[in-house]
Protein backbone atom coordinates (compact mmCIF):
# COMPACT_ATOMS: atom_id res chain seq x y z
CA MET A 1 1.91 -6.84 27.11
CA LYS A 2 1.74 -6.73 23.32
CA ILE A 3 1.05 -9.39 20.72
CA TYR A 4 2.13 -8.94 17.11
CA HIS A 5 0.85 -10.97 14.15
CA ILE A 6 3.50 -11.45 11.47
CA LYS A 7 2.73 -12.66 7.95
CA THR A 8 6.06 -12.44 6.07
CA GLN A 9 9.81 -12.65 6.61
CA GLU A 10 10.03 -8.95 5.63
CA ASP A 11 7.59 -8.02 8.41
CA PHE A 12 9.52 -10.21 10.85
CA ASP A 13 12.83 -8.58 9.89
CA ALA A 14 11.37 -5.09 10.38
CA LEU A 15 9.97 -6.00 13.80
CA MET A 16 13.26 -7.57 14.90
CA ALA A 17 15.10 -4.38 13.83
CA LYS A 18 12.64 -2.33 15.89
CA PHE A 19 13.07 -4.67 18.87
CA LYS A 20 16.86 -4.50 18.60
CA LYS A 21 16.76 -0.69 18.77
CA GLU A 22 14.49 -0.92 21.82
CA GLY A 23 16.74 -3.39 23.65
CA VAL A 24 14.29 -6.30 23.43
CA THR A 25 15.65 -9.80 23.95
CA TRP A 26 14.24 -13.22 23.10
CA ILE A 27 13.14 -15.54 25.87
CA LYS A 28 15.87 -17.97 24.66
CA GLY A 29 18.67 -15.40 24.29
CA ILE A 30 19.54 -13.23 21.29
CA LEU A 31 16.82 -12.19 18.86
CA PRO A 32 16.03 -14.83 16.21
CA ARG A 33 16.82 -14.14 12.57
CA TYR A 34 14.21 -16.26 10.86
CA TRP A 35 10.44 -16.17 10.93
CA ASP A 36 8.61 -19.45 11.54
CA LYS A 37 5.20 -19.42 9.86
CA ASN A 38 4.03 -22.07 12.36
CA TYR A 39 4.38 -19.45 15.12
CA PRO A 40 3.04 -16.28 13.49
CA TYR A 41 2.42 -14.46 16.77
CA ILE A 42 5.11 -12.67 18.75
CA THR A 43 4.53 -11.83 22.39
CA LEU A 44 6.31 -8.94 24.08
CA LYS A 45 6.37 -8.34 27.82
CA ASP A 46 8.96 -6.39 29.79
CA LYS A 47 11.25 -6.18 26.72
CA VAL A 48 11.30 -9.98 26.33
CA MET A 49 9.74 -11.56 23.24
CA GLY A 50 8.49 -15.04 22.57
CA PHE A 51 6.62 -16.93 19.86
CA ALA A 52 3.04 -18.18 20.02
CA THR A 53 0.41 -19.97 17.97
CA LEU A 54 -3.13 -18.70 17.47
CA GLY A 55 -4.37 -21.32 19.94
CA LEU A 56 -1.99 -20.11 22.63
CA VAL A 57 -2.92 -16.49 21.99
CA HIS A 58 -6.62 -17.27 22.36
CA GLU A 59 -6.08 -19.47 25.41
CA ILE A 60 -3.69 -17.33 27.46
CA TYR A 61 -3.80 -13.83 25.99
CA ARG A 62 -7.44 -13.55 24.89
CA ASP A 63 -7.82 -10.04 26.37
CA VAL A 64 -4.70 -8.62 24.70
CA PRO A 65 -5.36 -6.86 21.36
CA ILE A 66 -3.38 -8.27 18.44
CA ILE A 67 -1.27 -5.82 16.44
CA LYS A 68 -1.03 -6.76 12.76
CA TYR A 69 2.58 -5.78 12.16
CA LYS A 70 3.65 -4.87 8.65
CA ALA A 71 6.96 -3.48 7.45
CA ASN A 72 6.50 0.12 6.29
CA ASP A 73 2.98 0.21 7.72
CA THR A 74 1.70 3.79 7.44
CA VAL A 75 -0.69 3.31 10.38
CA ASN A 76 1.08 1.23 13.05
CA ASN A 77 4.71 1.60 12.05
CA PRO A 78 5.33 4.67 9.90
CA SER A 79 9.06 4.83 9.17
CA HIS A 80 9.12 8.65 9.29
CA TYR A 81 8.25 8.53 13.02
CA ASN A 82 11.33 6.49 13.93
CA THR A 83 14.13 8.85 12.98
CA GLY A 84 16.50 10.20 15.60
CA GLY A 85 16.75 7.00 17.64
CA ILE A 86 13.35 7.27 19.37
CA GLU A 87 9.84 6.73 18.13
CA THR A 88 7.97 10.04 18.14
CA LEU A 89 5.06 8.67 20.16
CA ASP A 90 7.44 7.43 22.89
CA TYR A 91 8.99 10.90 23.03
CA ILE A 92 5.56 12.50 23.31
CA LYS A 93 4.61 10.13 26.15
CA ALA A 94 7.78 11.13 27.98
CA LYS A 95 7.32 14.88 27.48
CA VAL A 96 3.58 15.63 27.43
CA ASP A 97 2.06 15.88 30.90
CA ASP A 98 -1.49 15.12 29.75
CA TYR A 99 -0.96 12.29 27.25
CA PRO A 100 -4.64 11.22 27.23
CA SER A 101 -5.77 14.65 25.98
CA TYR A 102 -3.19 14.51 23.19
CA VAL A 103 -4.43 11.08 22.12
CA VAL A 104 -8.12 11.99 22.32
CA GLY A 105 -7.39 14.99 20.09
CA ASN A 106 -5.81 12.69 17.51
CA ILE A 107 -8.72 10.24 17.71
CA ILE A 108 -11.21 13.06 17.09
CA LYS A 109 -9.07 14.45 14.24
CA TYR A 110 -8.87 11.13 12.39
CA ILE A 111 -12.53 10.23 12.89
CA THR A 112 -13.82 13.59 11.70
CA ARG A 113 -11.66 13.76 8.58
CA TYR A 114 -11.79 10.15 7.33
CA GLU A 115 -14.58 10.83 4.80
CA HIS A 116 -12.71 13.80 3.36
CA LYS A 117 -9.08 12.75 3.37
CA ASN A 118 -7.68 9.21 3.78
CA GLY A 119 -10.77 7.07 4.35
CA LEU A 120 -10.08 3.71 5.97
CA GLU A 121 -6.47 4.64 6.78
CA ASP A 122 -7.67 7.52 8.99
CA LEU A 123 -10.11 5.20 10.80
CA LYS A 124 -7.25 2.77 11.42
CA LYS A 125 -5.13 5.63 12.79
CA ALA A 126 -7.97 6.59 15.15
CA GLN A 127 -8.17 2.96 16.24
CA PHE A 128 -4.39 2.86 16.76
CA TYR A 129 -4.58 5.86 19.10
CA LEU A 130 -7.58 4.44 20.95
CA ASP A 131 -5.80 1.09 21.47
CA ASP A 132 -2.67 2.94 22.62
CA LEU A 133 -4.66 5.05 25.08
CA ILE A 134 -6.31 1.93 26.52
CA GLU A 135 -2.91 0.25 26.92
CA TRP A 136 -1.43 3.41 28.51
CA MET A 137 -4.31 3.62 30.99
CA GLU A 138 -4.08 -0.07 31.89
CA GLU A 139 -0.39 0.40 32.72
CA LYS A 140 -1.13 3.35 35.05
């Protein structure tokens, strides 16, 4: 289960393009084309998306971390990791036998270099990998 927070039509369009590539459908049929600011949260479960309000997210999905989705986001959605028809992280998950060790290595890398290289962006990357590891382990 994933929950995305969308703030603009551009972000919505980018997420819908990503969903289309991944074979995601909308609970009511084909993927919607327009973002509704009254429903800024998008739920995704078993390749089916839906819309939600903040109240619904807090009431039903309070234990699910919220992903702030931004088009061309260098932390959560870097465009250079989506070439070739598969997201690099999905490929790694499919090919690396010990995915948790790979992720822990990235967490350590980003935490130890943040003061010397990319600051807050590196901390957000470490958080991304930690959240992904937690989600991966919950699915196992």
